[in-house]
Amino acid sequence: MDGADARPAGRSQIRRLELGGVQGVVTRCRDFTARALDAWGWTATAYEPDLERVEDVLLLVSEVVTNACLHTGGPEELVLRHRAGVLRAEVRDPSPVVPARRPRAPSLPGGHGLMVLDRLAERWGSVPEGTGKVVWLEVSLPSGPPGGARR
């Protein structure tokens, strides 16, 4: 986990989804994220690593939102920031408790959300906000900005 609150430099496109409770919130957040990625050109590619990255993003958002549901009473807001092929997803919740890994065998069910973040997000962390916190993650398209040259 990276504790720095770094944000992509320059102008971002931002989408916000206000949330409350836990009923259906993970599905709402996945659908909201999928629509944003589509609008930002992430799904308009035939480049396989980009398509896999879209699936990674949907899984990451699901994990962070699920963690907020399980451990904080539910997320309050999902914010998506996009700039130059970099996506930052932020989930605000009412708990000040920082996410911490619990010793757990990978073969046991449950408790793998932070392991997924470690493996799939390029960076992630949390920052205090009001009486709660924001858990954030960043990922980028392997090909760079939509319409950009392949790396």
C-alpha atoms as a PDB file:
ATOM      1  CA  MET A   1       0.000   0.000   0.000  1.00  0.00           C
ATOM      2  CA  ASP A   2       1.273   3.438  -0.892  1.00  0.00           C
ATOM      3  CA  GLY A   3       0.158   6.064   1.609  1.00  0.00           C
ATOM      4  CA  ALA A   4       0.880   9.046  -0.667  1.00  0.00           C
ATOM      5  CA  ASP A   5      -2.141  10.871  -2.008  1.00  0.00           C
ATOM      6  CA  ALA A   6      -0.742  11.285  -5.514  1.00  0.00           C
ATOM      7  CA  ARG A   7      -3.171  12.228  -8.265  1.00  0.00           C
ATOM      8  CA  PRO A   8      -2.650  12.126 -12.005  1.00  0.00           C
ATOM      9  CA  ALA A   9      -1.196  15.491 -13.074  1.00  0.00           C
ATOM     10  CA  GLY A  10      -3.170  17.856 -15.265  1.00  0.00           C
ATOM     11  CA  ARG A  11      -6.877  18.110 -16.007  1.00  0.00           C
ATOM     12  CA  SER A  12      -9.015  15.113 -15.095  1.00  0.00           C
ATOM     13  CA  GLN A  13     -12.417  13.976 -16.223  1.00  0.00           C
ATOM     14  CA  ILE A  14     -14.405  13.206 -13.080  1.00  0.00           C
ATOM     15  CA  ARG A  15     -17.541  11.170 -12.386  1.00  0.00           C
ATOM     16  CA  ARG A  16     -19.167  10.878  -8.952  1.00  0.00           C
ATOM     17  CA  LEU A  17     -21.712   8.415  -7.628  1.00  0.00           C
ATOM     18  CA  GLU A  18     -23.321   9.169  -4.264  1.00  0.00           C
ATOM     19  CA  LEU A  19     -24.032   6.000  -2.307  1.00  0.00           C
ATOM     20  CA  GLY A  20     -25.860   4.904   0.814  1.00  0.00           C
ATOM     21  CA  GLY A  21     -26.279   1.556   2.503  1.00  0.00           C
ATOM     22  CA  VAL A  22     -25.052  -1.747   1.167  1.00  0.00           C
ATOM     23  CA  GLN A  23     -27.998  -3.207  -0.786  1.00  0.00           C
ATOM     24  CA  GLY A  24     -26.980  -3.529  -4.454  1.00  0.00           C
ATOM     25  CA  VAL A  25     -24.137  -1.036  -4.082  1.00  0.00           C
ATOM     26  CA  VAL A  26     -21.402  -3.260  -5.563  1.00  0.00           C
ATOM     27  CA  THR A  27     -23.408  -3.834  -8.748  1.00  0.00           C
ATOM     28  CA  ARG A  28     -24.237  -0.113  -9.000  1.00  0.00           C
ATOM     29  CA  CYS A  29     -20.555   0.792  -8.677  1.00  0.00           C
ATOM     30  CA  ARG A  30     -19.426  -1.814 -11.245  1.00  0.00           C
ATOM     31  CA  ASP A  31     -22.050  -0.636 -13.736  1.00  0.00           C
ATOM     32  CA  PHE A  32     -21.188   3.030 -13.118  1.00  0.00           C
ATOM     33  CA  THR A  33     -17.475   2.274 -13.626  1.00  0.00           C
ATOM     34  CA  ALA A  34     -18.115   0.226 -16.782  1.00  0.00           C
ATOM     35  CA  ARG A  35     -20.125   3.095 -18.300  1.00  0.00           C
ATOM     36  CA  ALA A  36     -17.380   5.604 -17.432  1.00  0.00           C
ATOM     37  CA  LEU A  37     -14.635   3.405 -18.912  1.00  0.00           C
ATOM     38  CA  ASP A  38     -16.687   2.991 -22.072  1.00  0.00           C
ATOM     39  CA  ALA A  39     -17.231   6.763 -22.351  1.00  0.00           C
ATOM     40  CA  TRP A  40     -13.497   7.360 -21.818  1.00  0.00           C
ATOM     41  CA  GLY A  41     -12.570   4.941 -24.631  1.00  0.00           C
ATOM     42  CA  TRP A  42     -11.147   2.124 -22.501  1.00  0.00           C
ATOM     43  CA  THR A  43     -13.430  -0.504 -24.071  1.00  0.00           C
ATOM     44  CA  ALA A  44     -13.072   0.658 -27.685  1.00  0.00           C
ATOM     45  CA  THR A  45      -9.896  -1.318 -28.242  1.00  0.00           C
ATOM     46  CA  ALA A  46      -9.072  -4.692 -29.695  1.00  0.00           C
ATOM     47  CA  TYR A  47      -5.756  -4.706 -27.821  1.00  0.00           C
ATOM     48  CA  GLU A  48      -6.100  -7.682 -25.458  1.00  0.00           C
ATOM     49  CA  PRO A  49      -4.065  -6.224 -22.533  1.00  0.00           C
ATOM     50  CA  ASP A  50      -6.369  -3.161 -22.526  1.00  0.00           C
ATOM     51  CA  LEU A  51      -9.497  -5.347 -22.436  1.00  0.00           C
ATOM     52  CA  GLU A  52      -7.994  -7.368 -19.575  1.00  0.00           C
ATOM     53  CA  ARG A  53      -7.235  -4.130 -17.739  1.00  0.00           C
ATOM     54  CA  VAL A  54     -10.895  -3.094 -17.974  1.00  0.00           C
ATOM     55  CA  GLU A  55     -11.847  -6.369 -16.256  1.00  0.00           C
ATOM     56  CA  ASP A  56      -9.156  -5.708 -13.625  1.00  0.00           C
ATOM     57  CA  VAL A  57     -10.624  -2.268 -12.934  1.00  0.00           C
ATOM     58  CA  LEU A  58     -14.128  -3.676 -12.469  1.00  0.00           C
ATOM     59  CA  LEU A  59     -12.784  -6.304 -10.061  1.00  0.00           C
ATOM     60  CA  LEU A  60     -10.773  -3.695  -8.124  1.00  0.00           C
ATOM     61  CA  VAL A  61     -13.778  -1.384  -7.748  1.00  0.00           C
ATOM     62  CA  SER A  62     -15.880  -4.352  -6.610  1.00  0.00           C
ATOM     63  CA  GLU A  63     -13.270  -5.304  -3.999  1.00  0.00           C
ATOM     64  CA  VAL A  64     -12.895  -1.802  -2.550  1.00  0.00           C
ATOM     65  CA  VAL A  65     -16.660  -1.269  -2.424  1.00  0.00           C
ATOM     66  CA  THR A  66     -17.202  -4.731  -0.907  1.00  0.00           C
ATOM     67  CA  ASN A  67     -14.605  -3.976   1.772  1.00  0.00           C
ATOM     68  CA  ALA A  68     -16.456  -0.758   2.620  1.00  0.00           C
ATOM     69  CA  CYS A  69     -19.710  -2.734   2.877  1.00  0.00           C
ATOM     70  CA  LEU A  70     -18.199  -5.420   5.098  1.00  0.00           C
ATOM     71  CA  HIS A  71     -16.044  -3.280   7.366  1.00  0.00           C
ATOM     72  CA  THR A  72     -17.518   0.259   7.516  1.00  0.00           C
ATOM     73  CA  GLY A  73     -21.291   0.033   7.102  1.00  0.00           C
ATOM     74  CA  GLY A  74     -21.094   0.913   3.430  1.00  0.00           C
ATOM     75  CA  PRO A  75     -19.452   3.393   1.089  1.00  0.00           C
ATOM     76  CA  GLU A  76     -20.708   6.965   0.848  1.00  0.00           C
ATOM     77  CA  GLU A  77     -19.335   7.914  -2.568  1.00  0.00           C
ATOM     78  CA  LEU A  78     -17.420   6.527  -5.550  1.00  0.00           C
ATOM     79  CA  VAL A  79     -15.326   9.018  -7.511  1.00  0.00           C
ATOM     80  CA  LEU A  80     -13.638   8.133 -10.799  1.00  0.00           C
ATOM     81  CA  ARG A  81     -10.916  10.423 -12.152  1.00  0.00           C
ATOM     82  CA  HIS A  82      -9.490   9.883 -15.612  1.00  0.00           C
ATOM     83  CA  ARG A  83      -6.546  11.576 -17.298  1.00  0.00           C
ATOM     84  CA  ALA A  84      -4.250  10.440 -20.088  1.00  0.00           C
ATOM     85  CA  GLY A  85      -5.007   6.731 -19.775  1.00  0.00           C
ATOM     86  CA  VAL A  86      -4.768   6.686 -15.967  1.00  0.00           C
ATOM     87  CA  LEU A  87      -7.823   5.915 -13.844  1.00  0.00           C
ATOM     88  CA  ARG A  88      -8.044   6.749 -10.176  1.00  0.00           C
ATOM     89  CA  ALA A  89     -10.992   5.257  -8.286  1.00  0.00           C
ATOM     90  CA  GLU A  90     -11.799   6.625  -4.830  1.00  0.00           C
ATOM     91  CA  VAL A  91     -14.263   5.128  -2.367  1.00  0.00           C
ATOM     92  CA  ARG A  92     -15.240   7.315   0.598  1.00  0.00           C
ATOM     93  CA  ASP A  93     -16.545   5.607   3.733  1.00  0.00           C
ATOM     94  CA  PRO A  94     -17.421   6.737   7.278  1.00  0.00           C
ATOM     95  CA  SER A  95     -14.725   4.760   9.110  1.00  0.00           C
ATOM     96  CA  PRO A  96     -11.336   6.256  10.009  1.00  0.00           C
ATOM     97  CA  VAL A  97      -9.813   2.755  10.252  1.00  0.00           C
ATOM     98  CA  VAL A  98      -7.073   2.292   7.642  1.00  0.00           C
ATOM     99  CA  PRO A  99      -7.254  -0.927   5.588  1.00  0.00           C
ATOM    100  CA  ALA A 100      -4.774  -3.465   6.937  1.00  0.00           C
ATOM    101  CA  ARG A 101      -3.821  -6.885   5.708  1.00  0.00           C
ATOM    102  CA  ARG A 102      -4.672  -9.728   8.032  1.00  0.00           C
ATOM    103  CA  PRO A 103      -2.435 -12.768   8.076  1.00  0.00           C
ATOM    104  CA  ARG A 104      -4.337 -15.270   5.974  1.00  0.00           C
ATOM    105  CA  ALA A 105      -3.491 -18.262   3.858  1.00  0.00           C
ATOM    106  CA  PRO A 106      -4.362 -17.646   0.187  1.00  0.00           C
ATOM    107  CA  SER A 107      -6.085 -21.048   0.095  1.00  0.00           C
ATOM    108  CA  LEU A 108      -8.710 -19.994   2.678  1.00  0.00           C
ATOM    109  CA  PRO A 109     -11.957 -18.390   1.483  1.00  0.00           C
ATOM    110  CA  GLY A 110     -12.512 -14.663   2.009  1.00  0.00           C
ATOM    111  CA  GLY A 111     -10.217 -11.904   3.164  1.00  0.00           C
ATOM    112  CA  HIS A 112      -8.386 -11.469  -0.131  1.00  0.00           C
ATOM    113  CA  GLY A 113      -9.495  -7.948  -1.123  1.00  0.00           C
ATOM    114  CA  LEU A 114      -6.226  -6.263  -0.203  1.00  0.00           C
ATOM    115  CA  MET A 115      -4.241  -9.033  -1.878  1.00  0.00           C
ATOM    116  CA  VAL A 116      -6.185  -8.323  -5.073  1.00  0.00           C
ATOM    117  CA  LEU A 117      -5.408  -4.603  -4.733  1.00  0.00           C
ATOM    118  CA  ASP A 118      -1.711  -5.360  -4.254  1.00  0.00           C
ATOM    119  CA  ARG A 119      -1.597  -7.521  -7.377  1.00  0.00           C
ATOM    120  CA  LEU A 120      -3.778  -5.581  -9.812  1.00  0.00           C
ATOM    121  CA  ALA A 121      -3.555  -1.891  -8.878  1.00  0.00           C
ATOM    122  CA  GLU A 122      -0.447   0.020  -9.812  1.00  0.00           C
ATOM    123  CA  ARG A 123      -0.827   2.074  -6.645  1.00  0.00           C
ATOM    124  CA  TRP A 124      -3.351   2.219  -3.848  1.00  0.00           C
ATOM    125  CA  GLY A 125      -3.733   3.694  -0.408  1.00  0.00           C
ATOM    126  CA  SER A 126      -6.036   5.573   1.900  1.00  0.00           C
ATOM    127  CA  VAL A 127      -6.251   9.114   3.207  1.00  0.00           C
ATOM    128  CA  PRO A 128      -8.307  10.540   6.067  1.00  0.00           C
ATOM    129  CA  GLU A 129     -11.309  12.610   5.052  1.00  0.00           C
ATOM    130  CA  GLY A 130     -13.558  14.203   7.635  1.00  0.00           C
ATOM    131  CA  THR A 131     -14.372  11.563  10.232  1.00  0.00           C
ATOM    132  CA  GLY A 132     -13.825   8.756   7.720  1.00  0.00           C
ATOM    133  CA  LYS A 133     -11.416   8.034   4.882  1.00  0.00           C
ATOM    134  CA  VAL A 134     -11.002   7.582   1.152  1.00  0.00           C
ATOM    135  CA  VAL A 135      -9.505   4.357  -0.177  1.00  0.00           C
ATOM    136  CA  TRP A 136      -8.043   4.981  -3.619  1.00  0.00           C
ATOM    137  CA  LEU A 137      -6.419   2.980  -6.381  1.00  0.00           C
ATOM    138  CA  GLU A 138      -4.770   3.813  -9.674  1.00  0.00           C
ATOM    139  CA  VAL A 139      -4.430   1.812 -12.882  1.00  0.00           C
ATOM    140  CA  SER A 140      -3.476   2.681 -16.437  1.00  0.00           C
ATOM    141  CA  LEU A 141      -4.119   1.229 -19.850  1.00  0.00           C
ATOM    142  CA  PRO A 142      -1.179  -0.832 -21.090  1.00  0.00           C
ATOM    143  CA  SER A 143      -1.396   1.047 -24.413  1.00  0.00           C
ATOM    144  CA  GLY A 144      -1.499   4.472 -22.748  1.00  0.00           C
ATOM    145  CA  PRO A 145      -4.221   7.042 -23.386  1.00  0.00           C
ATOM    146  CA  PRO A 146      -7.154   5.855 -25.531  1.00  0.00           C
ATOM    147  CA  GLY A 147      -6.111   6.218 -29.164  1.00  0.00           C
ATOM    148  CA  GLY A 148      -2.457   6.368 -28.114  1.00  0.00           C
ATOM    149  CA  ALA A 149       0.448   4.306 -29.371  1.00  0.00           C
ATOM    150  CA  ARG A 150       0.971   0.823 -28.000  1.00  0.00           C
ATOM    151  CA  ARG A 151       3.869   0.289 -25.619  1.00  0.00           C
END
